[in-house]
Protein backbone atom coordinates (compact mmCIF):
# COMPACT_ATOMS: atom_id res chain seq x y z
CA MET A 1 -7.91 -29.53 1.93
CA THR A 2 -4.11 -29.26 2.68
CA THR A 3 -1.48 -30.99 0.64
CA THR A 4 -0.97 -33.65 3.17
CA GLU A 5 -4.93 -34.52 3.51
CA THR A 6 -4.58 -34.73 -0.35
CA LEU A 7 -2.11 -37.31 -0.33
CA PHE A 8 -3.73 -39.74 1.91
CA THR A 9 -7.24 -39.45 0.00
CA PRO A 10 -8.47 -42.12 -2.45
CA THR A 11 -8.02 -41.46 -6.11
CA ARG A 12 -8.53 -43.62 -9.33
CA LEU A 13 -5.29 -44.20 -12.10
CA GLY A 14 -7.15 -45.47 -14.98
CA ALA A 15 -9.19 -48.48 -14.35
CA ILE A 16 -7.23 -48.89 -10.83
CA ASP A 17 -8.80 -47.69 -7.61
CA VAL A 18 -6.41 -46.73 -4.92
CA LYS A 19 -6.71 -45.80 -1.49
CA ASN A 20 -4.17 -42.92 -1.41
CA ARG A 21 -2.01 -41.10 -3.55
CA ILE A 22 1.50 -42.88 -2.44
CA ALA A 23 3.39 -44.77 -4.93
CA MET A 24 6.63 -46.55 -4.58
CA ALA A 25 8.77 -46.59 -7.68
CA PRO A 26 10.25 -49.77 -9.00
CA LEU A 27 13.79 -50.42 -7.46
CA THR A 28 16.10 -53.14 -8.59
CA ARG A 29 16.43 -55.07 -5.42
CA SER A 30 18.12 -58.23 -7.03
CA ARG A 31 16.11 -60.61 -5.27
CA ALA A 32 15.72 -63.20 -7.59
CA GLY A 33 17.74 -66.35 -7.52
CA MET A 34 20.59 -67.19 -10.12
CA ASP A 35 17.73 -68.91 -12.52
CA GLY A 36 16.16 -65.32 -12.54
CA VAL A 37 12.70 -66.60 -10.76
CA PRO A 38 12.03 -64.09 -7.90
CA SER A 39 12.58 -65.81 -4.48
CA ALA A 40 10.29 -65.99 -1.31
CA LEU A 41 12.50 -62.97 0.06
CA ALA A 42 11.23 -60.80 -3.05
CA ALA A 43 7.63 -61.70 -2.18
CA ARG A 44 8.01 -60.84 1.45
CA TYR A 45 9.82 -57.51 0.42
CA HIS A 46 6.86 -56.54 -1.50
CA ALA A 47 4.39 -57.87 0.90
CA GLU A 48 5.81 -55.79 3.79
CA ARG A 49 5.36 -52.55 1.63
CA ALA A 50 2.05 -52.91 -0.08
CA PRO A 51 -0.07 -51.61 2.65
CA ALA A 52 1.57 -48.09 2.10
CA GLY A 53 -0.11 -47.72 -1.25
CA LEU A 54 0.55 -48.56 -5.01
CA LEU A 55 3.88 -50.63 -5.62
CA ILE A 56 5.24 -50.66 -8.90
CA ALA A 57 7.31 -53.84 -8.96
CA GLU A 58 10.74 -54.29 -10.30
CA SER A 59 11.58 -56.17 -13.27
CA TYR A 60 13.69 -59.26 -13.00
CA THR A 61 16.24 -60.09 -15.87
CA GLU A 62 18.75 -62.60 -16.78
CA PHE A 63 21.88 -61.01 -15.59
CA THR A 64 24.84 -63.06 -17.33
CA ALA A 65 27.62 -61.17 -15.97
CA MET A 66 26.63 -62.10 -12.30
CA GLN A 67 26.22 -65.93 -13.43
CA ALA A 68 29.73 -65.65 -14.95
CA ALA A 69 31.19 -64.38 -11.64
């Protein structure tokens, strides 16, 4: 099996079955509102990428410097 073929084969990560070996690392996209709640845009962003493979979602944190600006 070639490296490319291996990339697209199913595997298991602990208790999670995944359809391939592609993973998207967490990124900070700043898609939360000023209240820190992820927006509909954040949901759409992740939904568009989910079919590719495993998504490790970003975290949303309170960022008071932005709120102060």
